[in-house]
Amino acid sequence: ERGMGAYDPVIDEDAADFLADTAN
């Protein structure tokens, strides 16, 4: 509804970890 889910994306856990860490 409010995110990017309509595009049917998936994110790898290491990518999510990287973004979460890098966002500081």
PDBML (XML) file of the C-alpha atoms, coordinates in Angstrom:
<?xml version="1.0" encoding="UTF-8" ?>
<PDBx:datablock datablockName="MODEL"
   xmlns:PDBx="http://pdbml.pdb.org/schema/pdbx-v50.xsd"
   xmlns:xsi="http://www.w3.org/2001/XMLSchema-instance"
   xsi:schemaLocation="http://pdbml.pdb.org/schema/pdbx-v50.xsd pdbx-v50.xsd">
   <PDBx:atom_siteCategory>
      <PDBx:atom_site id="1">
         <PDBx:B_iso_or_equiv>0.00</PDBx:B_iso_or_equiv>
         <PDBx:Cartn_x>0.000</PDBx:Cartn_x>
         <PDBx:Cartn_y>0.000</PDBx:Cartn_y>
         <PDBx:Cartn_z>0.000</PDBx:Cartn_z>
         <PDBx:auth_asym_id>A</PDBx:auth_asym_id>
         <PDBx:auth_atom_id>CA</PDBx:auth_atom_id>
         <PDBx:auth_comp_id>GLU</PDBx:auth_comp_id>
         <PDBx:auth_seq_id>1</PDBx:auth_seq_id>
         <PDBx:group_PDB>ATOM</PDBx:group_PDB>
         <PDBx:label_alt_id xsi:nil="true" />
         <PDBx:label_asym_id>A</PDBx:label_asym_id>
         <PDBx:label_atom_id>CA</PDBx:label_atom_id>
         <PDBx:label_comp_id>GLU</PDBx:label_comp_id>
         <PDBx:label_entity_id>1</PDBx:label_entity_id>
         <PDBx:label_seq_id>1</PDBx:label_seq_id>
         <PDBx:occupancy>1.00</PDBx:occupancy>
         <PDBx:pdbx_PDB_model_num>1</PDBx:pdbx_PDB_model_num>
         <PDBx:type_symbol>C</PDBx:type_symbol>
      </PDBx:atom_site>
      <PDBx:atom_site id="2">
         <PDBx:B_iso_or_equiv>0.00</PDBx:B_iso_or_equiv>
         <PDBx:Cartn_x>2.578</PDBx:Cartn_x>
         <PDBx:Cartn_y>2.569</PDBx:Cartn_y>
         <PDBx:Cartn_z>1.065</PDBx:Cartn_z>
         <PDBx:auth_asym_id>A</PDBx:auth_asym_id>
         <PDBx:auth_atom_id>CA</PDBx:auth_atom_id>
         <PDBx:auth_comp_id>ARG</PDBx:auth_comp_id>
         <PDBx:auth_seq_id>2</PDBx:auth_seq_id>
         <PDBx:group_PDB>ATOM</PDBx:group_PDB>
         <PDBx:label_alt_id xsi:nil="true" />
         <PDBx:label_asym_id>A</PDBx:label_asym_id>
         <PDBx:label_atom_id>CA</PDBx:label_atom_id>
         <PDBx:label_comp_id>ARG</PDBx:label_comp_id>
         <PDBx:label_entity_id>1</PDBx:label_entity_id>
         <PDBx:label_seq_id>2</PDBx:label_seq_id>
         <PDBx:occupancy>1.00</PDBx:occupancy>
         <PDBx:pdbx_PDB_model_num>1</PDBx:pdbx_PDB_model_num>
         <PDBx:type_symbol>C</PDBx:type_symbol>
      </PDBx:atom_site>
      <PDBx:atom_site id="3">
         <PDBx:B_iso_or_equiv>0.00</PDBx:B_iso_or_equiv>
         <PDBx:Cartn_x>5.867</PDBx:Cartn_x>
         <PDBx:Cartn_y>0.903</PDBx:Cartn_y>
         <PDBx:Cartn_z>0.186</PDBx:Cartn_z>
         <PDBx:auth_asym_id>A</PDBx:auth_asym_id>
         <PDBx:auth_atom_id>CA</PDBx:auth_atom_id>
         <PDBx:auth_comp_id>GLY</PDBx:auth_comp_id>
         <PDBx:auth_seq_id>3</PDBx:auth_seq_id>
         <PDBx:group_PDB>ATOM</PDBx:group_PDB>
         <PDBx:label_alt_id xsi:nil="true" />
         <PDBx:label_asym_id>A</PDBx:label_asym_id>
         <PDBx:label_atom_id>CA</PDBx:label_atom_id>
         <PDBx:label_comp_id>GLY</PDBx:label_comp_id>
         <PDBx:label_entity_id>1</PDBx:label_entity_id>
         <PDBx:label_seq_id>3</PDBx:label_seq_id>
         <PDBx:occupancy>1.00</PDBx:occupancy>
         <PDBx:pdbx_PDB_model_num>1</PDBx:pdbx_PDB_model_num>
         <PDBx:type_symbol>C</PDBx:type_symbol>
      </PDBx:atom_site>
      <PDBx:atom_site id="4">
         <PDBx:B_iso_or_equiv>0.00</PDBx:B_iso_or_equiv>
         <PDBx:Cartn_x>7.328</PDBx:Cartn_x>
         <PDBx:Cartn_y>-0.579</PDBx:Cartn_y>
         <PDBx:Cartn_z>-2.982</PDBx:Cartn_z>
         <PDBx:auth_asym_id>A</PDBx:auth_asym_id>
         <PDBx:auth_atom_id>CA</PDBx:auth_atom_id>
         <PDBx:auth_comp_id>MET</PDBx:auth_comp_id>
         <PDBx:auth_seq_id>4</PDBx:auth_seq_id>
         <PDBx:group_PDB>ATOM</PDBx:group_PDB>
         <PDBx:label_alt_id xsi:nil="true" />
         <PDBx:label_asym_id>A</PDBx:label_asym_id>
         <PDBx:label_atom_id>CA</PDBx:label_atom_id>
         <PDBx:label_comp_id>MET</PDBx:label_comp_id>
         <PDBx:label_entity_id>1</PDBx:label_entity_id>
         <PDBx:label_seq_id>4</PDBx:label_seq_id>
         <PDBx:occupancy>1.00</PDBx:occupancy>
         <PDBx:pdbx_PDB_model_num>1</PDBx:pdbx_PDB_model_num>
         <PDBx:type_symbol>C</PDBx:type_symbol>
      </PDBx:atom_site>
      <PDBx:atom_site id="5">
         <PDBx:B_iso_or_equiv>0.00</PDBx:B_iso_or_equiv>
         <PDBx:Cartn_x>5.530</PDBx:Cartn_x>
         <PDBx:Cartn_y>-3.917</PDBx:Cartn_y>
         <PDBx:Cartn_z>-2.612</PDBx:Cartn_z>
         <PDBx:auth_asym_id>A</PDBx:auth_asym_id>
         <PDBx:auth_atom_id>CA</PDBx:auth_atom_id>
         <PDBx:auth_comp_id>GLY</PDBx:auth_comp_id>
         <PDBx:auth_seq_id>5</PDBx:auth_seq_id>
         <PDBx:group_PDB>ATOM</PDBx:group_PDB>
         <PDBx:label_alt_id xsi:nil="true" />
         <PDBx:label_asym_id>A</PDBx:label_asym_id>
         <PDBx:label_atom_id>CA</PDBx:label_atom_id>
         <PDBx:label_comp_id>GLY</PDBx:label_comp_id>
         <PDBx:label_entity_id>1</PDBx:label_entity_id>
         <PDBx:label_seq_id>5</PDBx:label_seq_id>
         <PDBx:occupancy>1.00</PDBx:occupancy>
         <PDBx:pdbx_PDB_model_num>1</PDBx:pdbx_PDB_model_num>
         <PDBx:type_symbol>C</PDBx:type_symbol>
      </PDBx:atom_site>
      <PDBx:atom_site id="6">
         <PDBx:B_iso_or_equiv>0.00</PDBx:B_iso_or_equiv>
         <PDBx:Cartn_x>3.405</PDBx:Cartn_x>
         <PDBx:Cartn_y>-3.358</PDBx:Cartn_y>
         <PDBx:Cartn_z>-5.721</PDBx:Cartn_z>
         <PDBx:auth_asym_id>A</PDBx:auth_asym_id>
         <PDBx:auth_atom_id>CA</PDBx:auth_atom_id>
         <PDBx:auth_comp_id>ALA</PDBx:auth_comp_id>
         <PDBx:auth_seq_id>6</PDBx:auth_seq_id>
         <PDBx:group_PDB>ATOM</PDBx:group_PDB>
         <PDBx:label_alt_id xsi:nil="true" />
         <PDBx:label_asym_id>A</PDBx:label_asym_id>
         <PDBx:label_atom_id>CA</PDBx:label_atom_id>
         <PDBx:label_comp_id>ALA</PDBx:label_comp_id>
         <PDBx:label_entity_id>1</PDBx:label_entity_id>
         <PDBx:label_seq_id>6</PDBx:label_seq_id>
         <PDBx:occupancy>1.00</PDBx:occupancy>
         <PDBx:pdbx_PDB_model_num>1</PDBx:pdbx_PDB_model_num>
         <PDBx:type_symbol>C</PDBx:type_symbol>
      </PDBx:atom_site>
      <PDBx:atom_site id="7">
         <PDBx:B_iso_or_equiv>0.00</PDBx:B_iso_or_equiv>
         <PDBx:Cartn_x>6.591</PDBx:Cartn_x>
         <PDBx:Cartn_y>-3.694</PDBx:Cartn_y>
         <PDBx:Cartn_z>-7.796</PDBx:Cartn_z>
         <PDBx:auth_asym_id>A</PDBx:auth_asym_id>
         <PDBx:auth_atom_id>CA</PDBx:auth_atom_id>
         <PDBx:auth_comp_id>TYR</PDBx:auth_comp_id>
         <PDBx:auth_seq_id>7</PDBx:auth_seq_id>
         <PDBx:group_PDB>ATOM</PDBx:group_PDB>
         <PDBx:label_alt_id xsi:nil="true" />
         <PDBx:label_asym_id>A</PDBx:label_asym_id>
         <PDBx:label_atom_id>CA</PDBx:label_atom_id>
         <PDBx:label_comp_id>TYR</PDBx:label_comp_id>
         <PDBx:label_entity_id>1</PDBx:label_entity_id>
         <PDBx:label_seq_id>7</PDBx:label_seq_id>
         <PDBx:occupancy>1.00</PDBx:occupancy>
         <PDBx:pdbx_PDB_model_num>1</PDBx:pdbx_PDB_model_num>
         <PDBx:type_symbol>C</PDBx:type_symbol>
      </PDBx:atom_site>
      <PDBx:atom_site id="8">
         <PDBx:B_iso_or_equiv>0.00</PDBx:B_iso_or_equiv>
         <PDBx:Cartn_x>7.126</PDBx:Cartn_x>
         <PDBx:Cartn_y>-7.208</PDBx:Cartn_y>
         <PDBx:Cartn_z>-6.376</PDBx:Cartn_z>
         <PDBx:auth_asym_id>A</PDBx:auth_asym_id>
         <PDBx:auth_atom_id>CA</PDBx:auth_atom_id>
         <PDBx:auth_comp_id>ASP</PDBx:auth_comp_id>
         <PDBx:auth_seq_id>8</PDBx:auth_seq_id>
         <PDBx:group_PDB>ATOM</PDBx:group_PDB>
         <PDBx:label_alt_id xsi:nil="true" />
         <PDBx:label_asym_id>A</PDBx:label_asym_id>
         <PDBx:label_atom_id>CA</PDBx:label_atom_id>
         <PDBx:label_comp_id>ASP</PDBx:label_comp_id>
         <PDBx:label_entity_id>1</PDBx:label_entity_id>
         <PDBx:label_seq_id>8</PDBx:label_seq_id>
         <PDBx:occupancy>1.00</PDBx:occupancy>
         <PDBx:pdbx_PDB_model_num>1</PDBx:pdbx_PDB_model_num>
         <PDBx:type_symbol>C</PDBx:type_symbol>
      </PDBx:atom_site>
      <PDBx:atom_site id="9">
         <PDBx:B_iso_or_equiv>0.00</PDBx:B_iso_or_equiv>
         <PDBx:Cartn_x>10.666</PDBx:Cartn_x>
         <PDBx:Cartn_y>-6.648</PDBx:Cartn_y>
         <PDBx:Cartn_z>-5.117</PDBx:Cartn_z>
         <PDBx:auth_asym_id>A</PDBx:auth_asym_id>
         <PDBx:auth_atom_id>CA</PDBx:auth_atom_id>
         <PDBx:auth_comp_id>PRO</PDBx:auth_comp_id>
         <PDBx:auth_seq_id>9</PDBx:auth_seq_id>
         <PDBx:group_PDB>ATOM</PDBx:group_PDB>
         <PDBx:label_alt_id xsi:nil="true" />
         <PDBx:label_asym_id>A</PDBx:label_asym_id>
         <PDBx:label_atom_id>CA</PDBx:label_atom_id>
         <PDBx:label_comp_id>PRO</PDBx:label_comp_id>
         <PDBx:label_entity_id>1</PDBx:label_entity_id>
         <PDBx:label_seq_id>9</PDBx:label_seq_id>
         <PDBx:occupancy>1.00</PDBx:occupancy>
         <PDBx:pdbx_PDB_model_num>1</PDBx:pdbx_PDB_model_num>
         <PDBx:type_symbol>C</PDBx:type_symbol>
      </PDBx:atom_site>
      <PDBx:atom_site id="10">
         <PDBx:B_iso_or_equiv>0.00</PDBx:B_iso_or_equiv>
         <PDBx:Cartn_x>12.724</PDBx:Cartn_x>
         <PDBx:Cartn_y>-8.837</PDBx:Cartn_y>
         <PDBx:Cartn_z>-2.763</PDBx:Cartn_z>
         <PDBx:auth_asym_id>A</PDBx:auth_asym_id>
         <PDBx:auth_atom_id>CA</PDBx:auth_atom_id>
         <PDBx:auth_comp_id>VAL</PDBx:auth_comp_id>
         <PDBx:auth_seq_id>10</PDBx:auth_seq_id>
         <PDBx:group_PDB>ATOM</PDBx:group_PDB>
         <PDBx:label_alt_id xsi:nil="true" />
         <PDBx:label_asym_id>A</PDBx:label_asym_id>
         <PDBx:label_atom_id>CA</PDBx:label_atom_id>
         <PDBx:label_comp_id>VAL</PDBx:label_comp_id>
         <PDBx:label_entity_id>1</PDBx:label_entity_id>
         <PDBx:label_seq_id>10</PDBx:label_seq_id>
         <PDBx:occupancy>1.00</PDBx:occupancy>
         <PDBx:pdbx_PDB_model_num>1</PDBx:pdbx_PDB_model_num>
         <PDBx:type_symbol>C</PDBx:type_symbol>
      </PDBx:atom_site>
      <PDBx:atom_site id="11">
         <PDBx:B_iso_or_equiv>0.00</PDBx:B_iso_or_equiv>
         <PDBx:Cartn_x>15.797</PDBx:Cartn_x>
         <PDBx:Cartn_y>-7.842</PDBx:Cartn_y>
         <PDBx:Cartn_z>-0.808</PDBx:Cartn_z>
         <PDBx:auth_asym_id>A</PDBx:auth_asym_id>
         <PDBx:auth_atom_id>CA</PDBx:auth_atom_id>
         <PDBx:auth_comp_id>ILE</PDBx:auth_comp_id>
         <PDBx:auth_seq_id>11</PDBx:auth_seq_id>
         <PDBx:group_PDB>ATOM</PDBx:group_PDB>
         <PDBx:label_alt_id xsi:nil="true" />
         <PDBx:label_asym_id>A</PDBx:label_asym_id>
         <PDBx:label_atom_id>CA</PDBx:label_atom_id>
         <PDBx:label_comp_id>ILE</PDBx:label_comp_id>
         <PDBx:label_entity_id>1</PDBx:label_entity_id>
         <PDBx:label_seq_id>11</PDBx:label_seq_id>
         <PDBx:occupancy>1.00</PDBx:occupancy>
         <PDBx:pdbx_PDB_model_num>1</PDBx:pdbx_PDB_model_num>
         <PDBx:type_symbol>C</PDBx:type_symbol>
      </PDBx:atom_site>
      <PDBx:atom_site id="12">
         <PDBx:B_iso_or_equiv>0.00</PDBx:B_iso_or_equiv>
         <PDBx:Cartn_x>18.658</PDBx:Cartn_x>
         <PDBx:Cartn_y>-10.105</PDBx:Cartn_y>
         <PDBx:Cartn_z>0.209</PDBx:Cartn_z>
         <PDBx:auth_asym_id>A</PDBx:auth_asym_id>
         <PDBx:auth_atom_id>CA</PDBx:auth_atom_id>
         <PDBx:auth_comp_id>ASP</PDBx:auth_comp_id>
         <PDBx:auth_seq_id>12</PDBx:auth_seq_id>
         <PDBx:group_PDB>ATOM</PDBx:group_PDB>
         <PDBx:label_alt_id xsi:nil="true" />
         <PDBx:label_asym_id>A</PDBx:label_asym_id>
         <PDBx:label_atom_id>CA</PDBx:label_atom_id>
         <PDBx:label_comp_id>ASP</PDBx:label_comp_id>
         <PDBx:label_entity_id>1</PDBx:label_entity_id>
         <PDBx:label_seq_id>12</PDBx:label_seq_id>
         <PDBx:occupancy>1.00</PDBx:occupancy>
         <PDBx:pdbx_PDB_model_num>1</PDBx:pdbx_PDB_model_num>
         <PDBx:type_symbol>C</PDBx:type_symbol>
      </PDBx:atom_site>
      <PDBx:atom_site id="13">
         <PDBx:B_iso_or_equiv>0.00</PDBx:B_iso_or_equiv>
         <PDBx:Cartn_x>19.425</PDBx:Cartn_x>
         <PDBx:Cartn_y>-10.087</PDBx:Cartn_y>
         <PDBx:Cartn_z>3.916</PDBx:Cartn_z>
         <PDBx:auth_asym_id>A</PDBx:auth_asym_id>
         <PDBx:auth_atom_id>CA</PDBx:auth_atom_id>
         <PDBx:auth_comp_id>GLU</PDBx:auth_comp_id>
         <PDBx:auth_seq_id>13</PDBx:auth_seq_id>
         <PDBx:group_PDB>ATOM</PDBx:group_PDB>
         <PDBx:label_alt_id xsi:nil="true" />
         <PDBx:label_asym_id>A</PDBx:label_asym_id>
         <PDBx:label_atom_id>CA</PDBx:label_atom_id>
         <PDBx:label_comp_id>GLU</PDBx:label_comp_id>
         <PDBx:label_entity_id>1</PDBx:label_entity_id>
         <PDBx:label_seq_id>13</PDBx:label_seq_id>
         <PDBx:occupancy>1.00</PDBx:occupancy>
         <PDBx:pdbx_PDB_model_num>1</PDBx:pdbx_PDB_model_num>
         <PDBx:type_symbol>C</PDBx:type_symbol>
      </PDBx:atom_site>
      <PDBx:atom_site id="14">
         <PDBx:B_iso_or_equiv>0.00</PDBx:B_iso_or_equiv>
         <PDBx:Cartn_x>23.035</PDBx:Cartn_x>
         <PDBx:Cartn_y>-9.045</PDBx:Cartn_y>
         <PDBx:Cartn_z>3.360</PDBx:Cartn_z>
         <PDBx:auth_asym_id>A</PDBx:auth_asym_id>
         <PDBx:auth_atom_id>CA</PDBx:auth_atom_id>
         <PDBx:auth_comp_id>ASP</PDBx:auth_comp_id>
         <PDBx:auth_seq_id>14</PDBx:auth_seq_id>
         <PDBx:group_PDB>ATOM</PDBx:group_PDB>
         <PDBx:label_alt_id xsi:nil="true" />
         <PDBx:label_asym_id>A</PDBx:label_asym_id>
         <PDBx:label_atom_id>CA</PDBx:label_atom_id>
         <PDBx:label_comp_id>ASP</PDBx:label_comp_id>
         <PDBx:label_entity_id>1</PDBx:label_entity_id>
         <PDBx:label_seq_id>14</PDBx:label_seq_id>
         <PDBx:occupancy>1.00</PDBx:occupancy>
         <PDBx:pdbx_PDB_model_num>1</PDBx:pdbx_PDB_model_num>
         <PDBx:type_symbol>C</PDBx:type_symbol>
      </PDBx:atom_site>
      <PDBx:atom_site id="15">
         <PDBx:B_iso_or_equiv>0.00</PDBx:B_iso_or_equiv>
         <PDBx:Cartn_x>21.790</PDBx:Cartn_x>
         <PDBx:Cartn_y>-6.109</PDBx:Cartn_y>
         <PDBx:Cartn_z>1.279</PDBx:Cartn_z>
         <PDBx:auth_asym_id>A</PDBx:auth_asym_id>
         <PDBx:auth_atom_id>CA</PDBx:auth_atom_id>
         <PDBx:auth_comp_id>ALA</PDBx:auth_comp_id>
         <PDBx:auth_seq_id>15</PDBx:auth_seq_id>
         <PDBx:group_PDB>ATOM</PDBx:group_PDB>
         <PDBx:label_alt_id xsi:nil="true" />
         <PDBx:label_asym_id>A</PDBx:label_asym_id>
         <PDBx:label_atom_id>CA</PDBx:label_atom_id>
         <PDBx:label_comp_id>ALA</PDBx:label_comp_id>
         <PDBx:label_entity_id>1</PDBx:label_entity_id>
         <PDBx:label_seq_id>15</PDBx:label_seq_id>
         <PDBx:occupancy>1.00</PDBx:occupancy>
         <PDBx:pdbx_PDB_model_num>1</PDBx:pdbx_PDB_model_num>
         <PDBx:type_symbol>C</PDBx:type_symbol>
      </PDBx:atom_site>
      <PDBx:atom_site id="16">
         <PDBx:B_iso_or_equiv>0.00</PDBx:B_iso_or_equiv>
         <PDBx:Cartn_x>19.353</PDBx:Cartn_x>
         <PDBx:Cartn_y>-5.092</PDBx:Cartn_y>
         <PDBx:Cartn_z>4.015</PDBx:Cartn_z>
         <PDBx:auth_asym_id>A</PDBx:auth_asym_id>
         <PDBx:auth_atom_id>CA</PDBx:auth_atom_id>
         <PDBx:auth_comp_id>ALA</PDBx:auth_comp_id>
         <PDBx:auth_seq_id>16</PDBx:auth_seq_id>
         <PDBx:group_PDB>ATOM</PDBx:group_PDB>
         <PDBx:label_alt_id xsi:nil="true" />
         <PDBx:label_asym_id>A</PDBx:label_asym_id>
         <PDBx:label_atom_id>CA</PDBx:label_atom_id>
         <PDBx:label_comp_id>ALA</PDBx:label_comp_id>
         <PDBx:label_entity_id>1</PDBx:label_entity_id>
         <PDBx:label_seq_id>16</PDBx:label_seq_id>
         <PDBx:occupancy>1.00</PDBx:occupancy>
         <PDBx:pdbx_PDB_model_num>1</PDBx:pdbx_PDB_model_num>
         <PDBx:type_symbol>C</PDBx:type_symbol>
      </PDBx:atom_site>
      <PDBx:atom_site id="17">
         <PDBx:B_iso_or_equiv>0.00</PDBx:B_iso_or_equiv>
         <PDBx:Cartn_x>22.162</PDBx:Cartn_x>
         <PDBx:Cartn_y>-5.398</PDBx:Cartn_y>
         <PDBx:Cartn_z>6.574</PDBx:Cartn_z>
         <PDBx:auth_asym_id>A</PDBx:auth_asym_id>
         <PDBx:auth_atom_id>CA</PDBx:auth_atom_id>
         <PDBx:auth_comp_id>ASP</PDBx:auth_comp_id>
         <PDBx:auth_seq_id>17</PDBx:auth_seq_id>
         <PDBx:group_PDB>ATOM</PDBx:group_PDB>
         <PDBx:label_alt_id xsi:nil="true" />
         <PDBx:label_asym_id>A</PDBx:label_asym_id>
         <PDBx:label_atom_id>CA</PDBx:label_atom_id>
         <PDBx:label_comp_id>ASP</PDBx:label_comp_id>
         <PDBx:label_entity_id>1</PDBx:label_entity_id>
         <PDBx:label_seq_id>17</PDBx:label_seq_id>
         <PDBx:occupancy>1.00</PDBx:occupancy>
         <PDBx:pdbx_PDB_model_num>1</PDBx:pdbx_PDB_model_num>
         <PDBx:type_symbol>C</PDBx:type_symbol>
      </PDBx:atom_site>
      <PDBx:atom_site id="18">
         <PDBx:B_iso_or_equiv>0.00</PDBx:B_iso_or_equiv>
         <PDBx:Cartn_x>24.455</PDBx:Cartn_x>
         <PDBx:Cartn_y>-3.272</PDBx:Cartn_y>
         <PDBx:Cartn_z>4.444</PDBx:Cartn_z>
         <PDBx:auth_asym_id>A</PDBx:auth_asym_id>
         <PDBx:auth_atom_id>CA</PDBx:auth_atom_id>
         <PDBx:auth_comp_id>PHE</PDBx:auth_comp_id>
         <PDBx:auth_seq_id>18</PDBx:auth_seq_id>
         <PDBx:group_PDB>ATOM</PDBx:group_PDB>
         <PDBx:label_alt_id xsi:nil="true" />
         <PDBx:label_asym_id>A</PDBx:label_asym_id>
         <PDBx:label_atom_id>CA</PDBx:label_atom_id>
         <PDBx:label_comp_id>PHE</PDBx:label_comp_id>
         <PDBx:label_entity_id>1</PDBx:label_entity_id>
         <PDBx:label_seq_id>18</PDBx:label_seq_id>
         <PDBx:occupancy>1.00</PDBx:occupancy>
         <PDBx:pdbx_PDB_model_num>1</PDBx:pdbx_PDB_model_num>
         <PDBx:type_symbol>C</PDBx:type_symbol>
      </PDBx:atom_site>
      <PDBx:atom_site id="19">
         <PDBx:B_iso_or_equiv>0.00</PDBx:B_iso_or_equiv>
         <PDBx:Cartn_x>21.869</PDBx:Cartn_x>
         <PDBx:Cartn_y>-0.525</PDBx:Cartn_y>
         <PDBx:Cartn_z>3.946</PDBx:Cartn_z>
         <PDBx:auth_asym_id>A</PDBx:auth_asym_id>
         <PDBx:auth_atom_id>CA</PDBx:auth_atom_id>
         <PDBx:auth_comp_id>LEU</PDBx:auth_comp_id>
         <PDBx:auth_seq_id>19</PDBx:auth_seq_id>
         <PDBx:group_PDB>ATOM</PDBx:group_PDB>
         <PDBx:label_alt_id xsi:nil="true" />
         <PDBx:label_asym_id>A</PDBx:label_asym_id>
         <PDBx:label_atom_id>CA</PDBx:label_atom_id>
         <PDBx:label_comp_id>LEU</PDBx:label_comp_id>
         <PDBx:label_entity_id>1</PDBx:label_entity_id>
         <PDBx:label_seq_id>19</PDBx:label_seq_id>
         <PDBx:occupancy>1.00</PDBx:occupancy>
         <PDBx:pdbx_PDB_model_num>1</PDBx:pdbx_PDB_model_num>
         <PDBx:type_symbol>C</PDBx:type_symbol>
      </PDBx:atom_site>
      <PDBx:atom_site id="20">
         <PDBx:B_iso_or_equiv>0.00</PDBx:B_iso_or_equiv>
         <PDBx:Cartn_x>20.927</PDBx:Cartn_x>
         <PDBx:Cartn_y>-0.525</PDBx:Cartn_y>
         <PDBx:Cartn_z>7.633</PDBx:Cartn_z>
         <PDBx:auth_asym_id>A</PDBx:auth_asym_id>
         <PDBx:auth_atom_id>CA</PDBx:auth_atom_id>
         <PDBx:auth_comp_id>ALA</PDBx:auth_comp_id>
         <PDBx:auth_seq_id>20</PDBx:auth_seq_id>
         <PDBx:group_PDB>ATOM</PDBx:group_PDB>
         <PDBx:label_alt_id xsi:nil="true" />
         <PDBx:label_asym_id>A</PDBx:label_asym_id>
         <PDBx:label_atom_id>CA</PDBx:label_atom_id>
         <PDBx:label_comp_id>ALA</PDBx:label_comp_id>
         <PDBx:label_entity_id>1</PDBx:label_entity_id>
         <PDBx:label_seq_id>20</PDBx:label_seq_id>
         <PDBx:occupancy>1.00</PDBx:occupancy>
         <PDBx:pdbx_PDB_model_num>1</PDBx:pdbx_PDB_model_num>
         <PDBx:type_symbol>C</PDBx:type_symbol>
      </PDBx:atom_site>
      <PDBx:atom_site id="21">
         <PDBx:B_iso_or_equiv>0.00</PDBx:B_iso_or_equiv>
         <PDBx:Cartn_x>24.557</PDBx:Cartn_x>
         <PDBx:Cartn_y>-0.225</PDBx:Cartn_y>
         <PDBx:Cartn_z>8.653</PDBx:Cartn_z>
         <PDBx:auth_asym_id>A</PDBx:auth_asym_id>
         <PDBx:auth_atom_id>CA</PDBx:auth_atom_id>
         <PDBx:auth_comp_id>ASP</PDBx:auth_comp_id>
         <PDBx:auth_seq_id>21</PDBx:auth_seq_id>
         <PDBx:group_PDB>ATOM</PDBx:group_PDB>
         <PDBx:label_alt_id xsi:nil="true" />
         <PDBx:label_asym_id>A</PDBx:label_asym_id>
         <PDBx:label_atom_id>CA</PDBx:label_atom_id>
         <PDBx:label_comp_id>ASP</PDBx:label_comp_id>
         <PDBx:label_entity_id>1</PDBx:label_entity_id>
         <PDBx:label_seq_id>21</PDBx:label_seq_id>
         <PDBx:occupancy>1.00</PDBx:occupancy>
         <PDBx:pdbx_PDB_model_num>1</PDBx:pdbx_PDB_model_num>
         <PDBx:type_symbol>C</PDBx:type_symbol>
      </PDBx:atom_site>
      <PDBx:atom_site id="22">
         <PDBx:B_iso_or_equiv>0.00</PDBx:B_iso_or_equiv>
         <PDBx:Cartn_x>25.583</PDBx:Cartn_x>
         <PDBx:Cartn_y>2.258</PDBx:Cartn_y>
         <PDBx:Cartn_z>5.997</PDBx:Cartn_z>
         <PDBx:auth_asym_id>A</PDBx:auth_asym_id>
         <PDBx:auth_atom_id>CA</PDBx:auth_atom_id>
         <PDBx:auth_comp_id>THR</PDBx:auth_comp_id>
         <PDBx:auth_seq_id>22</PDBx:auth_seq_id>
         <PDBx:group_PDB>ATOM</PDBx:group_PDB>
         <PDBx:label_alt_id xsi:nil="true" />
         <PDBx:label_asym_id>A</PDBx:label_asym_id>
         <PDBx:label_atom_id>CA</PDBx:label_atom_id>
         <PDBx:label_comp_id>THR</PDBx:label_comp_id>
         <PDBx:label_entity_id>1</PDBx:label_entity_id>
         <PDBx:label_seq_id>22</PDBx:label_seq_id>
         <PDBx:occupancy>1.00</PDBx:occupancy>
         <PDBx:pdbx_PDB_model_num>1</PDBx:pdbx_PDB_model_num>
         <PDBx:type_symbol>C</PDBx:type_symbol>
      </PDBx:atom_site>
      <PDBx:atom_site id="23">
         <PDBx:B_iso_or_equiv>0.00</PDBx:B_iso_or_equiv>
         <PDBx:Cartn_x>22.649</PDBx:Cartn_x>
         <PDBx:Cartn_y>4.583</PDBx:Cartn_y>
         <PDBx:Cartn_z>6.670</PDBx:Cartn_z>
         <PDBx:auth_asym_id>A</PDBx:auth_asym_id>
         <PDBx:auth_atom_id>CA</PDBx:auth_atom_id>
         <PDBx:auth_comp_id>ALA</PDBx:auth_comp_id>
         <PDBx:auth_seq_id>23</PDBx:auth_seq_id>
         <PDBx:group_PDB>ATOM</PDBx:group_PDB>
         <PDBx:label_alt_id xsi:nil="true" />
         <PDBx:label_asym_id>A</PDBx:label_asym_id>
         <PDBx:label_atom_id>CA</PDBx:label_atom_id>
         <PDBx:label_comp_id>ALA</PDBx:label_comp_id>
         <PDBx:label_entity_id>1</PDBx:label_entity_id>
         <PDBx:label_seq_id>23</PDBx:label_seq_id>
         <PDBx:occupancy>1.00</PDBx:occupancy>
         <PDBx:pdbx_PDB_model_num>1</PDBx:pdbx_PDB_model_num>
         <PDBx:type_symbol>C</PDBx:type_symbol>
      </PDBx:atom_site>
      <PDBx:atom_site id="24">
         <PDBx:B_iso_or_equiv>0.00</PDBx:B_iso_or_equiv>
         <PDBx:Cartn_x>24.280</PDBx:Cartn_x>
         <PDBx:Cartn_y>5.329</PDBx:Cartn_y>
         <PDBx:Cartn_z>10.022</PDBx:Cartn_z>
         <PDBx:auth_asym_id>A</PDBx:auth_asym_id>
         <PDBx:auth_atom_id>CA</PDBx:auth_atom_id>
         <PDBx:auth_comp_id>ASN</PDBx:auth_comp_id>
         <PDBx:auth_seq_id>24</PDBx:auth_seq_id>
         <PDBx:group_PDB>ATOM</PDBx:group_PDB>
         <PDBx:label_alt_id xsi:nil="true" />
         <PDBx:label_asym_id>A</PDBx:label_asym_id>
         <PDBx:label_atom_id>CA</PDBx:label_atom_id>
         <PDBx:label_comp_id>ASN</PDBx:label_comp_id>
         <PDBx:label_entity_id>1</PDBx:label_entity_id>
         <PDBx:label_seq_id>24</PDBx:label_seq_id>
         <PDBx:occupancy>1.00</PDBx:occupancy>
         <PDBx:pdbx_PDB_model_num>1</PDBx:pdbx_PDB_model_num>
         <PDBx:type_symbol>C</PDBx:type_symbol>
      </PDBx:atom_site>
   </PDBx:atom_siteCategory>
</PDBx:datablock>
